[in-house]
Amino acid sequence: GEKLGVTNKTVSRWETGAYLPPAEAL
């Protein structure tokens, strides 16, 4: 999350399939 400029909760949401990462994160 720090490397991508997001929170660890956001990374968790991506990894659980709750959200698709935005284009910048991809």
PDB file of all heavy atoms in Angstrom:
ATOM      1  N   GLY A   1       0.819  -1.211   0.000  1.00  0.00           N
ATOM      2  CA  GLY A   1       0.000   0.000   0.000  1.00  0.00           C
ATOM      3  C   GLY A   1       0.852   1.259   0.000  1.00  0.00           C
ATOM      4  O   GLY A   1       0.556   2.219  -0.715  1.00  0.00           O
ATOM      5  N   GLU A   2       1.934   1.268   0.792  1.00  0.00           N
ATOM      6  CA  GLU A   2       2.830   2.427   0.831  1.00  0.00           C
ATOM      7  C   GLU A   2       3.474   2.669  -0.527  1.00  0.00           C
ATOM      8  O   GLU A   2       3.583   3.809  -0.976  1.00  0.00           O
ATOM      9  CB  GLU A   2       3.903   2.228   1.898  1.00  0.00           C
ATOM     10  CG  GLU A   2       3.396   2.372   3.316  1.00  0.00           C
ATOM     11  CD  GLU A   2       4.457   2.038   4.358  1.00  0.00           C
ATOM     12  OE1 GLU A   2       5.636   1.852   3.997  1.00  0.00           O
ATOM     13  OE2 GLU A   2       4.094   1.962   5.552  1.00  0.00           O
ATOM     14  N   LYS A   3       3.890   1.593  -1.184  1.00  0.00           N
ATOM     15  CA  LYS A   3       4.521   1.731  -2.504  1.00  0.00           C
ATOM     16  C   LYS A   3       3.543   2.258  -3.555  1.00  0.00           C
ATOM     17  O   LYS A   3       3.938   2.957  -4.479  1.00  0.00           O
ATOM     18  CB  LYS A   3       5.102   0.392  -2.967  1.00  0.00           C
ATOM     19  CG  LYS A   3       6.319  -0.054  -2.182  1.00  0.00           C
ATOM     20  CD  LYS A   3       6.845  -1.365  -2.736  1.00  0.00           C
ATOM     21  CE  LYS A   3       8.061  -1.856  -1.980  1.00  0.00           C
ATOM     22  NZ  LYS A   3       9.268  -1.112  -2.268  1.00  0.00           N
ATOM     23  N   LEU A   4       2.256   1.901  -3.373  1.00  0.00           N
ATOM     24  CA  LEU A   4       1.240   2.303  -4.358  1.00  0.00           C
ATOM     25  C   LEU A   4       0.479   3.561  -3.960  1.00  0.00           C
ATOM     26  O   LEU A   4      -0.339   4.066  -4.720  1.00  0.00           O
ATOM     27  CB  LEU A   4       0.247   1.155  -4.576  1.00  0.00           C
ATOM     28  CG  LEU A   4       0.826  -0.162  -5.090  1.00  0.00           C
ATOM     29  CD1 LEU A   4      -0.253  -1.223  -5.150  1.00  0.00           C
ATOM     30  CD2 LEU A   4       1.477   0.031  -6.446  1.00  0.00           C
ATOM     31  N   GLY A   5       0.716   4.046  -2.728  1.00  0.00           N
ATOM     32  CA  GLY A   5       0.027   5.250  -2.276  1.00  0.00           C
ATOM     33  C   GLY A   5      -1.409   4.998  -1.850  1.00  0.00           C
ATOM     34  O   GLY A   5      -2.266   5.874  -1.995  1.00  0.00           O
ATOM     35  N   VAL A   6      -1.677   3.778  -1.347  1.00  0.00           N
ATOM     36  CA  VAL A   6      -3.006   3.443  -0.852  1.00  0.00           C
ATOM     37  C   VAL A   6      -2.866   2.822   0.534  1.00  0.00           C
ATOM     38  O   VAL A   6      -1.764   2.529   0.982  1.00  0.00           O
ATOM     39  CB  VAL A   6      -3.747   2.460  -1.808  1.00  0.00           C
ATOM     40  CG1 VAL A   6      -3.961   3.087  -3.172  1.00  0.00           C
ATOM     41  CG2 VAL A   6      -3.004   1.141  -1.932  1.00  0.00           C
ATOM     42  N   THR A   7      -3.984   2.590   1.194  1.00  0.00           N
ATOM     43  CA  THR A   7      -3.935   1.985   2.519  1.00  0.00           C
ATOM     44  C   THR A   7      -3.857   0.466   2.416  1.00  0.00           C
ATOM     45  O   THR A   7      -4.156  -0.116   1.361  1.00  0.00           O
ATOM     46  CB  THR A   7      -5.187   2.350   3.348  1.00  0.00           C
ATOM     47  OG1 THR A   7      -6.329   1.745   2.717  1.00  0.00           O
ATOM     48  CG2 THR A   7      -5.363   3.858   3.442  1.00  0.00           C
ATOM     49  N   ASN A   8      -3.486  -0.178   3.531  1.00  0.00           N
ATOM     50  CA  ASN A   8      -3.460  -1.638   3.551  1.00  0.00           C
ATOM     51  C   ASN A   8      -4.880  -2.206   3.404  1.00  0.00           C
ATOM     52  O   ASN A   8      -5.065  -3.289   2.863  1.00  0.00           O
ATOM     53  CB  ASN A   8      -2.790  -2.158   4.829  1.00  0.00           C
ATOM     54  CG  ASN A   8      -3.519  -1.743   6.089  1.00  0.00           C
ATOM     55  OD1 ASN A   8      -4.052  -0.640   6.184  1.00  0.00           O
ATOM     56  ND2 ASN A   8      -3.539  -2.619   7.074  1.00  0.00           N
ATOM     57  N   LYS A   9      -5.884  -1.460   3.842  1.00  0.00           N
ATOM     58  CA  LYS A   9      -7.270  -1.902   3.673  1.00  0.00           C
ATOM     59  C   LYS A   9      -7.649  -1.950   2.197  1.00  0.00           C
ATOM     60  O   LYS A   9      -8.386  -2.844   1.766  1.00  0.00           O
ATOM     61  CB  LYS A   9      -8.225  -0.981   4.431  1.00  0.00           C
ATOM     62  CG  LYS A   9      -8.165  -1.149   5.923  1.00  0.00           C
ATOM     63  CD  LYS A   9      -9.186  -0.260   6.615  1.00  0.00           C
ATOM     64  CE  LYS A   9      -9.101  -0.443   8.123  1.00  0.00           C
ATOM     65  NZ  LYS A   9     -10.092   0.371   8.820  1.00  0.00           N
ATOM     66  N   THR A  10      -7.164  -0.992   1.435  1.00  0.00           N
ATOM     67  CA  THR A  10      -7.434  -0.978  -0.004  1.00  0.00           C
ATOM     68  C   THR A  10      -6.798  -2.196  -0.663  1.00  0.00           C
ATOM     69  O   THR A  10      -7.425  -2.870  -1.481  1.00  0.00           O
ATOM     70  CB  THR A  10      -6.913   0.323  -0.639  1.00  0.00           C
ATOM     71  OG1 THR A  10      -7.577   1.424  -0.030  1.00  0.00           O
ATOM     72  CG2 THR A  10      -7.149   0.350  -2.129  1.00  0.00           C
ATOM     73  N   VAL A  11      -5.550  -2.493  -0.287  1.00  0.00           N
ATOM     74  CA  VAL A  11      -4.868  -3.676  -0.826  1.00  0.00           C
ATOM     75  C   VAL A  11      -5.654  -4.926  -0.445  1.00  0.00           C
ATOM     76  O   VAL A  11      -5.864  -5.818  -1.272  1.00  0.00           O
ATOM     77  CB  VAL A  11      -3.407  -3.761  -0.318  1.00  0.00           C
ATOM     78  CG1 VAL A  11      -2.757  -5.071  -0.746  1.00  0.00           C
ATOM     79  CG2 VAL A  11      -2.595  -2.571  -0.823  1.00  0.00           C
ATOM     80  N   SER A  12      -6.129  -4.989   0.788  1.00  0.00           N
ATOM     81  CA  SER A  12      -6.924  -6.130   1.242  1.00  0.00           C
ATOM     82  C   SER A  12      -8.187  -6.272   0.402  1.00  0.00           C
ATOM     83  O   SER A  12      -8.568  -7.392   0.020  1.00  0.00           O
ATOM     84  CB  SER A  12      -7.292  -5.963   2.721  1.00  0.00           C
ATOM     85  OG  SER A  12      -8.164  -6.983   3.132  1.00  0.00           O
ATOM     86  N   ARG A  13      -8.843  -5.177   0.095  1.00  0.00           N
ATOM     87  CA  ARG A  13     -10.070  -5.218  -0.719  1.00  0.00           C
ATOM     88  C   ARG A  13      -9.774  -5.737  -2.134  1.00  0.00           C
ATOM     89  O   ARG A  13     -10.585  -6.452  -2.718  1.00  0.00           O
ATOM     90  CB  ARG A  13     -10.715  -3.844  -0.770  1.00  0.00           C
ATOM     91  CG  ARG A  13     -11.346  -3.459   0.553  1.00  0.00           C
ATOM     92  CD  ARG A  13     -12.010  -2.095   0.498  1.00  0.00           C
ATOM     93  NE  ARG A  13     -12.489  -1.730   1.808  1.00  0.00           N
ATOM     94  CZ  ARG A  13     -12.197  -0.595   2.414  1.00  0.00           C
ATOM     95  NH1 ARG A  13     -11.448   0.314   1.818  1.00  0.00           N
ATOM     96  NH2 ARG A  13     -12.661  -0.342   3.623  1.00  0.00           N
ATOM     97  N   TRP A  14      -8.619  -5.356  -2.678  1.00  0.00           N
ATOM     98  CA  TRP A  14      -8.240  -5.873  -3.988  1.00  0.00           C
ATOM     99  C   TRP A  14      -8.001  -7.380  -3.904  1.00  0.00           C
ATOM    100  O   TRP A  14      -8.445  -8.130  -4.758  1.00  0.00           O
ATOM    101  CB  TRP A  14      -6.971  -5.205  -4.496  1.00  0.00           C
ATOM    102  CG  TRP A  14      -7.064  -3.738  -4.751  1.00  0.00           C
ATOM    103  CD1 TRP A  14      -8.178  -2.984  -4.947  1.00  0.00           C
ATOM    104  CD2 TRP A  14      -5.965  -2.835  -4.835  1.00  0.00           C
ATOM    105  NE1 TRP A  14      -7.847  -1.672  -5.155  1.00  0.00           N
ATOM    106  CE2 TRP A  14      -6.484  -1.547  -5.096  1.00  0.00           C
ATOM    107  CE3 TRP A  14      -4.587  -2.970  -4.723  1.00  0.00           C
ATOM    108  CZ2 TRP A  14      -5.685  -0.419  -5.246  1.00  0.00           C
ATOM    109  CZ3 TRP A  14      -3.785  -1.853  -4.872  1.00  0.00           C
ATOM    110  CH2 TRP A  14      -4.330  -0.591  -5.134  1.00  0.00           C
ATOM    111  N   GLU A  15      -7.270  -7.784  -2.871  1.00  0.00           N
ATOM    112  CA  GLU A  15      -6.895  -9.193  -2.751  1.00  0.00           C
ATOM    113  C   GLU A  15      -8.077 -10.097  -2.439  1.00  0.00           C
ATOM    114  O   GLU A  15      -8.054 -11.274  -2.776  1.00  0.00           O
ATOM    115  CB  GLU A  15      -5.799  -9.357  -1.693  1.00  0.00           C
ATOM    116  CG  GLU A  15      -4.474  -8.767  -2.127  1.00  0.00           C
ATOM    117  CD  GLU A  15      -3.352  -8.965  -1.125  1.00  0.00           C
ATOM    118  OE1 GLU A  15      -3.587  -9.558  -0.053  1.00  0.00           O
ATOM    119  OE2 GLU A  15      -2.215  -8.531  -1.418  1.00  0.00           O
ATOM    120  N   THR A  16      -9.106  -9.573  -1.823  1.00  0.00           N
ATOM    121  CA  THR A  16     -10.298 -10.383  -1.543  1.00  0.00           C
ATOM    122  C   THR A  16     -11.298 -10.337  -2.694  1.00  0.00           C
ATOM    123  O   THR A  16     -12.326 -11.003  -2.645  1.00  0.00           O
ATOM    124  CB  THR A  16     -10.996  -9.919  -0.249  1.00  0.00           C
ATOM    125  OG1 THR A  16     -11.361  -8.542  -0.393  1.00  0.00           O
ATOM    126  CG2 THR A  16     -10.117 -10.133   0.970  1.00  0.00           C
ATOM    127  N   GLY A  17     -11.008  -9.554  -3.703  1.00  0.00           N
ATOM    128  CA  GLY A  17     -11.891  -9.467  -4.864  1.00  0.00           C
ATOM    129  C   GLY A  17     -13.053  -8.516  -4.681  1.00  0.00           C
ATOM    130  O   GLY A  17     -13.990  -8.519  -5.471  1.00  0.00           O
ATOM    131  N   ALA A  18     -12.999  -7.678  -3.639  1.00  0.00           N
ATOM    132  CA  ALA A  18     -14.090  -6.723  -3.418  1.00  0.00           C
ATOM    133  C   ALA A  18     -14.045  -5.595  -4.440  1.00  0.00           C
ATOM    134  O   ALA A  18     -15.088  -5.064  -4.828  1.00  0.00           O
ATOM    135  CB  ALA A  18     -14.016  -6.156  -2.001  1.00  0.00           C
ATOM    136  N   TYR A  19     -12.854  -5.195  -4.843  1.00  0.00           N
ATOM    137  CA  TYR A  19     -12.677  -4.096  -5.797  1.00  0.00           C
ATOM    138  C   TYR A  19     -11.609  -4.451  -6.813  1.00  0.00           C
ATOM    139  O   TYR A  19     -10.692  -5.207  -6.526  1.00  0.00           O
ATOM    140  CB  TYR A  19     -12.233  -2.809  -5.091  1.00  0.00           C
ATOM    141  CG  TYR A  19     -13.245  -2.222  -4.154  1.00  0.00           C
ATOM    142  CD1 TYR A  19     -13.104  -2.374  -2.780  1.00  0.00           C
ATOM    143  CD2 TYR A  19     -14.337  -1.519  -4.628  1.00  0.00           C
ATOM    144  CE1 TYR A  19     -14.030  -1.831  -1.907  1.00  0.00           C
ATOM    145  CE2 TYR A  19     -15.266  -0.978  -3.756  1.00  0.00           C
ATOM    146  CZ  TYR A  19     -15.102  -1.139  -2.408  1.00  0.00           C
ATOM    147  OH  TYR A  19     -16.020  -0.610  -1.554  1.00  0.00           O
ATOM    148  N   LEU A  20     -11.722  -3.850  -7.986  1.00  0.00           N
ATOM    149  CA  LEU A  20     -10.691  -3.934  -9.003  1.00  0.00           C
ATOM    150  C   LEU A  20      -9.778  -2.731  -8.833  1.00  0.00           C
ATOM    151  O   LEU A  20     -10.267  -1.600  -8.720  1.00  0.00           O
ATOM    152  CB  LEU A  20     -11.319  -3.914 -10.398  1.00  0.00           C
ATOM    153  CG  LEU A  20     -10.361  -4.020 -11.577  1.00  0.00           C
ATOM    154  CD1 LEU A  20      -9.709  -5.399 -11.599  1.00  0.00           C
ATOM    155  CD2 LEU A  20     -11.097  -3.775 -12.881  1.00  0.00           C
ATOM    156  N   PRO A  21      -8.464  -2.923  -8.790  1.00  0.00           N
ATOM    157  CA  PRO A  21      -7.564  -1.779  -8.655  1.00  0.00           C
ATOM    158  C   PRO A  21      -7.740  -0.806  -9.832  1.00  0.00           C
ATOM    159  O   PRO A  21      -7.990  -1.238 -10.968  1.00  0.00           O
ATOM    160  CB  PRO A  21      -6.167  -2.405  -8.682  1.00  0.00           C
ATOM    161  CG  PRO A  21      -6.377  -3.843  -8.356  1.00  0.00           C
ATOM    162  CD  PRO A  21      -7.739  -4.192  -8.840  1.00  0.00           C
ATOM    163  N   PRO A  22      -7.581   0.493  -9.588  1.00  0.00           N
ATOM    164  CA  PRO A  22      -7.678   1.458 -10.692  1.00  0.00           C
ATOM    165  C   PRO A  22      -6.473   1.316 -11.630  1.00  0.00           C
ATOM    166  O   PRO A  22      -5.468   0.674 -11.292  1.00  0.00           O
ATOM    167  CB  PRO A  22      -7.684   2.806  -9.984  1.00  0.00           C
ATOM    168  CG  PRO A  22      -7.041   2.561  -8.671  1.00  0.00           C
ATOM    169  CD  PRO A  22      -7.341   1.139  -8.311  1.00  0.00           C
ATOM    170  N   ALA A  23      -6.585   1.936 -12.785  1.00  0.00           N
ATOM    171  CA  ALA A  23      -5.557   1.813 -13.821  1.00  0.00           C
ATOM    172  C   ALA A  23      -4.170   2.208 -13.310  1.00  0.00           C
ATOM    173  O   ALA A  23      -3.175   1.542 -13.625  1.00  0.00           O
ATOM    174  CB  ALA A  23      -5.931   2.656 -15.031  1.00  0.00           C
ATOM    175  N   GLU A  24      -4.086   3.272 -12.501  1.00  0.00           N
ATOM    176  CA  GLU A  24      -2.784   3.718 -12.002  1.00  0.00           C
ATOM    177  C   GLU A  24      -2.143   2.650 -11.128  1.00  0.00           C
ATOM    178  O   GLU A  24      -0.934   2.409 -11.203  1.00  0.00           O
ATOM    179  CB  GLU A  24      -2.917   5.011 -11.181  1.00  0.00           C
ATOM    180  CG  GLU A  24      -3.583   6.166 -11.878  1.00  0.00           C
ATOM    181  CD  GLU A  24      -5.108   6.092 -11.844  1.00  0.00           C
ATOM    182  OE1 GLU A  24      -5.696   5.582 -10.861  1.00  0.00           O
ATOM    183  OE2 GLU A  24      -5.713   6.523 -12.833  1.00  0.00           O
ATOM    184  N   ALA A  25      -2.944   2.006 -10.283  1.00  0.00           N
ATOM    185  CA  ALA A  25      -2.418   0.956  -9.407  1.00  0.00           C
ATOM    186  C   ALA A  25      -2.016  -0.265 -10.220  1.00  0.00           C
ATOM    187  O   ALA A  25      -0.989  -0.903  -9.923  1.00  0.00           O
ATOM    188  CB  ALA A  25      -3.459   0.578  -8.354  1.00  0.00           C
ATOM    189  N   LEU A  26      -2.798  -0.610 -11.239  1.00  0.00           N
ATOM    190  CA  LEU A  26      -2.443  -1.738 -12.099  1.00  0.00           C
ATOM    191  C   LEU A  26      -1.105  -1.491 -12.786  1.00  0.00           C
ATOM    192  O   LEU A  26      -0.261  -2.384 -12.862  1.00  0.00           O
ATOM    193  CB  LEU A  26      -3.539  -1.986 -13.142  1.00  0.00           C
ATOM    194  CG  LEU A  26      -4.860  -2.542 -12.631  1.00  0.00           C
ATOM    195  CD1 LEU A  26      -5.911  -2.531 -13.726  1.00  0.00           C
ATOM    196  CD2 LEU A  26      -4.677  -3.949 -12.079  1.00  0.00           C
TER     197      LEU A  26
END
